[in-house]
Amino acid sequence: MTTRVFHVPDISCDHCKRAIEEALDGLPDIDSAVVTVDLRDVAVDGSASDEAVIAAISEAGYEVATTG
């Protein structure tokens, strides 16, 4: 299984952590989702598409940083 990491610059506290983890826990193809507040990262394991993960994070009220 591959872990994908998404950078979410607006993560600042445990409330942010809980909101994002709860949003991702609701997706059927997520095996685990761990938010690291200090790094402002979300590590996701599972077969859900990047688009589905980003949409769930967005619905929780946070924007995923894009590269390039």
N, C-alpha and C. Protein backbone atom coordinates (compact mmCIF):
# COMPACT_ATOMS: atom_id res chain seq x y z
N MET A 1 0.85 -1.18 0.00
CA MET A 1 0.00 0.00 0.00
C MET A 1 0.89 1.24 0.00
N THR A 2 0.50 2.22 -0.78
CA THR A 2 1.26 3.45 -0.88
C THR A 2 0.60 4.54 -0.04
N THR A 3 1.45 5.24 0.69
CA THR A 3 0.95 6.39 1.46
C THR A 3 1.13 7.63 0.61
N ARG A 4 0.05 8.37 0.47
CA ARG A 4 0.11 9.66 -0.23
C ARG A 4 0.00 10.77 0.80
N VAL A 5 0.76 11.82 0.59
CA VAL A 5 0.77 12.94 1.54
C VAL A 5 0.27 14.19 0.84
N PHE A 6 -0.67 14.85 1.47
CA PHE A 6 -1.25 16.09 0.96
C PHE A 6 -0.90 17.21 1.92
N HIS A 7 -0.43 18.33 1.38
CA HIS A 7 -0.07 19.47 2.23
C HIS A 7 -1.28 20.40 2.33
N VAL A 8 -1.66 20.71 3.56
CA VAL A 8 -2.82 21.56 3.83
C VAL A 8 -2.35 22.71 4.71
N PRO A 9 -2.00 23.86 4.10
CA PRO A 9 -1.37 24.96 4.85
C PRO A 9 -2.20 25.53 6.00
N ASP A 10 -3.52 25.38 5.95
CA ASP A 10 -4.38 25.99 6.97
C ASP A 10 -4.54 25.15 8.24
N ILE A 11 -3.91 23.98 8.30
CA ILE A 11 -3.98 23.17 9.53
C ILE A 11 -3.21 23.90 10.62
N SER A 12 -3.89 24.14 11.75
CA SER A 12 -3.21 24.88 12.82
C SER A 12 -3.46 24.33 14.22
N CYS A 13 -4.40 23.37 14.34
CA CYS A 13 -4.75 22.94 15.70
C CYS A 13 -5.40 21.56 15.67
N ASP A 14 -5.71 21.06 16.85
CA ASP A 14 -6.35 19.75 16.96
C ASP A 14 -7.75 19.73 16.36
N HIS A 15 -8.44 20.86 16.38
CA HIS A 15 -9.77 20.93 15.75
C HIS A 15 -9.64 20.66 14.25
N CYS A 16 -8.64 21.27 13.61
CA CYS A 16 -8.39 21.04 12.18
C CYS A 16 -8.11 19.56 11.94
N LYS A 17 -7.27 18.99 12.78
CA LYS A 17 -6.90 17.57 12.68
C LYS A 17 -8.14 16.69 12.73
N ARG A 18 -8.99 16.91 13.72
CA ARG A 18 -10.20 16.09 13.88
C ARG A 18 -11.15 16.27 12.69
N ALA A 19 -11.33 17.50 12.24
CA ALA A 19 -12.26 17.77 11.14
C ALA A 19 -11.83 17.05 9.87
N ILE A 20 -10.55 17.11 9.56
CA ILE A 20 -10.05 16.47 8.34
C ILE A 20 -10.08 14.96 8.47
N GLU A 21 -9.63 14.43 9.60
CA GLU A 21 -9.63 12.98 9.79
C GLU A 21 -11.05 12.42 9.75
N GLU A 22 -12.02 13.12 10.33
CA GLU A 22 -13.41 12.67 10.29
C GLU A 22 -13.96 12.69 8.87
N ALA A 23 -13.61 13.72 8.11
CA ALA A 23 -14.07 13.81 6.72
C ALA A 23 -13.51 12.65 5.89
N LEU A 24 -12.25 12.32 6.11
CA LEU A 24 -11.63 11.25 5.34
C LEU A 24 -12.07 9.87 5.82
N ASP A 25 -12.36 9.74 7.10
CA ASP A 25 -12.86 8.47 7.63
C ASP A 25 -14.19 8.10 6.98
N GLY A 26 -14.90 9.08 6.47
CA GLY A 26 -16.19 8.83 5.83
C GLY A 26 -16.08 8.28 4.42
N LEU A 27 -14.88 8.27 3.85
CA LEU A 27 -14.71 7.74 2.49
C LEU A 27 -14.51 6.23 2.55
N PRO A 28 -15.20 5.48 1.69
CA PRO A 28 -15.12 4.02 1.76
C PRO A 28 -13.75 3.44 1.38
N ASP A 29 -12.98 4.12 0.56
CA ASP A 29 -11.71 3.57 0.07
C ASP A 29 -10.49 4.12 0.80
N ILE A 30 -10.69 4.64 2.02
CA ILE A 30 -9.57 5.12 2.84
C ILE A 30 -9.32 4.10 3.94
N ASP A 31 -8.10 3.58 3.99
CA ASP A 31 -7.74 2.64 5.06
C ASP A 31 -7.31 3.39 6.31
N SER A 32 -6.59 4.50 6.12
CA SER A 32 -6.21 5.34 7.26
C SER A 32 -5.90 6.74 6.76
N ALA A 33 -6.12 7.70 7.64
CA ALA A 33 -5.81 9.10 7.36
C ALA A 33 -5.26 9.70 8.64
N VAL A 34 -4.05 10.24 8.57
CA VAL A 34 -3.40 10.80 9.75
C VAL A 34 -2.96 12.22 9.43
N VAL A 35 -3.42 13.16 10.24
CA VAL A 35 -3.05 14.56 10.10
C VAL A 35 -1.92 14.86 11.08
N THR A 36 -0.85 15.47 10.57
CA THR A 36 0.25 15.93 11.41
C THR A 36 0.19 17.45 11.44
N VAL A 37 -0.26 17.98 12.57
CA VAL A 37 -0.49 19.42 12.69
C VAL A 37 0.80 20.20 12.46
N ASP A 38 1.90 19.78 13.09
CA ASP A 38 3.17 20.52 12.98
C ASP A 38 3.64 20.67 11.53
N LEU A 39 3.44 19.62 10.74
CA LEU A 39 3.89 19.64 9.34
C LEU A 39 2.83 20.16 8.39
N ARG A 40 1.59 20.25 8.89
CA ARG A 40 0.43 20.63 8.07
C ARG A 40 0.24 19.65 6.91
N ASP A 41 0.44 18.37 7.23
CA ASP A 41 0.32 17.31 6.23
C ASP A 41 -0.78 16.33 6.60
N VAL A 42 -1.34 15.71 5.56
CA VAL A 42 -2.33 14.65 5.72
C VAL A 42 -1.81 13.43 4.98
N ALA A 43 -1.52 12.37 5.71
CA ALA A 43 -1.05 11.12 5.11
C ALA A 43 -2.24 10.18 4.95
N VAL A 44 -2.43 9.69 3.74
CA VAL A 44 -3.60 8.87 3.42
C VAL A 44 -3.16 7.54 2.83
N ASP A 45 -3.72 6.44 3.37
CA ASP A 45 -3.56 5.10 2.81
C ASP A 45 -4.91 4.63 2.31
N GLY A 46 -4.92 4.03 1.15
CA GLY A 46 -6.17 3.51 0.61
C GLY A 46 -6.23 3.72 -0.88
N SER A 47 -7.30 3.21 -1.48
CA SER A 47 -7.42 3.26 -2.93
C SER A 47 -8.28 4.42 -3.44
N ALA A 48 -8.74 5.28 -2.55
CA ALA A 48 -9.52 6.45 -2.98
C ALA A 48 -8.65 7.32 -3.88
N SER A 49 -9.27 7.92 -4.88
CA SER A 49 -8.53 8.78 -5.81
C SER A 49 -8.06 10.06 -5.11
N ASP A 50 -7.02 10.66 -5.67
CA ASP A 50 -6.56 11.94 -5.14
C ASP A 50 -7.69 12.95 -5.16
N GLU A 51 -8.48 12.93 -6.21
CA GLU A 51 -9.58 13.88 -6.34
C GLU A 51 -10.60 13.70 -5.22
N ALA A 52 -10.89 12.45 -4.85
CA ALA A 52 -11.84 12.19 -3.76
C ALA A 52 -11.29 12.67 -2.42
N VAL A 53 -9.99 12.45 -2.21
CA VAL A 53 -9.36 12.90 -0.97
C VAL A 53 -9.39 14.42 -0.89
N ILE A 54 -9.00 15.07 -1.97
CA ILE A 54 -8.98 16.54 -2.00
C ILE A 54 -10.39 17.10 -1.81
N ALA A 55 -11.38 16.47 -2.43
CA ALA A 55 -12.77 16.92 -2.27
C ALA A 55 -13.23 16.81 -0.83
N ALA A 56 -12.88 15.70 -0.15
CA ALA A 56 -13.28 15.52 1.25
C ALA A 56 -12.62 16.56 2.15
N ILE A 57 -11.34 16.83 1.89
CA ILE A 57 -10.63 17.86 2.67
C ILE A 57 -11.26 19.22 2.42
N SER A 58 -11.61 19.50 1.17
CA SER A 58 -12.24 20.78 0.83
C SER A 58 -13.59 20.92 1.50
N GLU A 59 -14.36 19.83 1.52
CA GLU A 59 -15.68 19.87 2.16
C GLU A 59 -15.57 20.10 3.66
N ALA A 60 -14.43 19.71 4.25
CA ALA A 60 -14.19 19.96 5.67
C ALA A 60 -13.78 21.42 5.91
N GLY A 61 -13.53 22.16 4.82
CA GLY A 61 -13.23 23.58 4.93
C GLY A 61 -11.76 23.93 4.78
N TYR A 62 -10.98 23.03 4.21
CA TYR A 62 -9.53 23.26 4.07
C TYR A 62 -9.11 23.07 2.62
N GLU A 63 -8.10 23.83 2.22
CA GLU A 63 -7.60 23.77 0.86
C GLU A 63 -6.28 23.01 0.81
N VAL A 64 -6.18 22.08 -0.13
CA VAL A 64 -4.95 21.34 -0.34
C VAL A 64 -4.05 22.17 -1.25
N ALA A 65 -2.80 22.34 -0.85
CA ALA A 65 -1.83 23.09 -1.65
C ALA A 65 -1.48 22.27 -2.88
N THR A 66 -1.37 22.95 -4.00
CA THR A 66 -0.96 22.28 -5.23
C THR A 66 0.46 22.68 -5.57
N THR A 67 1.15 21.80 -6.23
CA THR A 67 2.52 22.09 -6.65
C THR A 67 2.52 22.44 -8.11
N GLY A 68 3.59 23.15 -8.51
CA GLY A 68 3.75 23.48 -9.91
C GLY A 68 3.02 24.69 -10.23
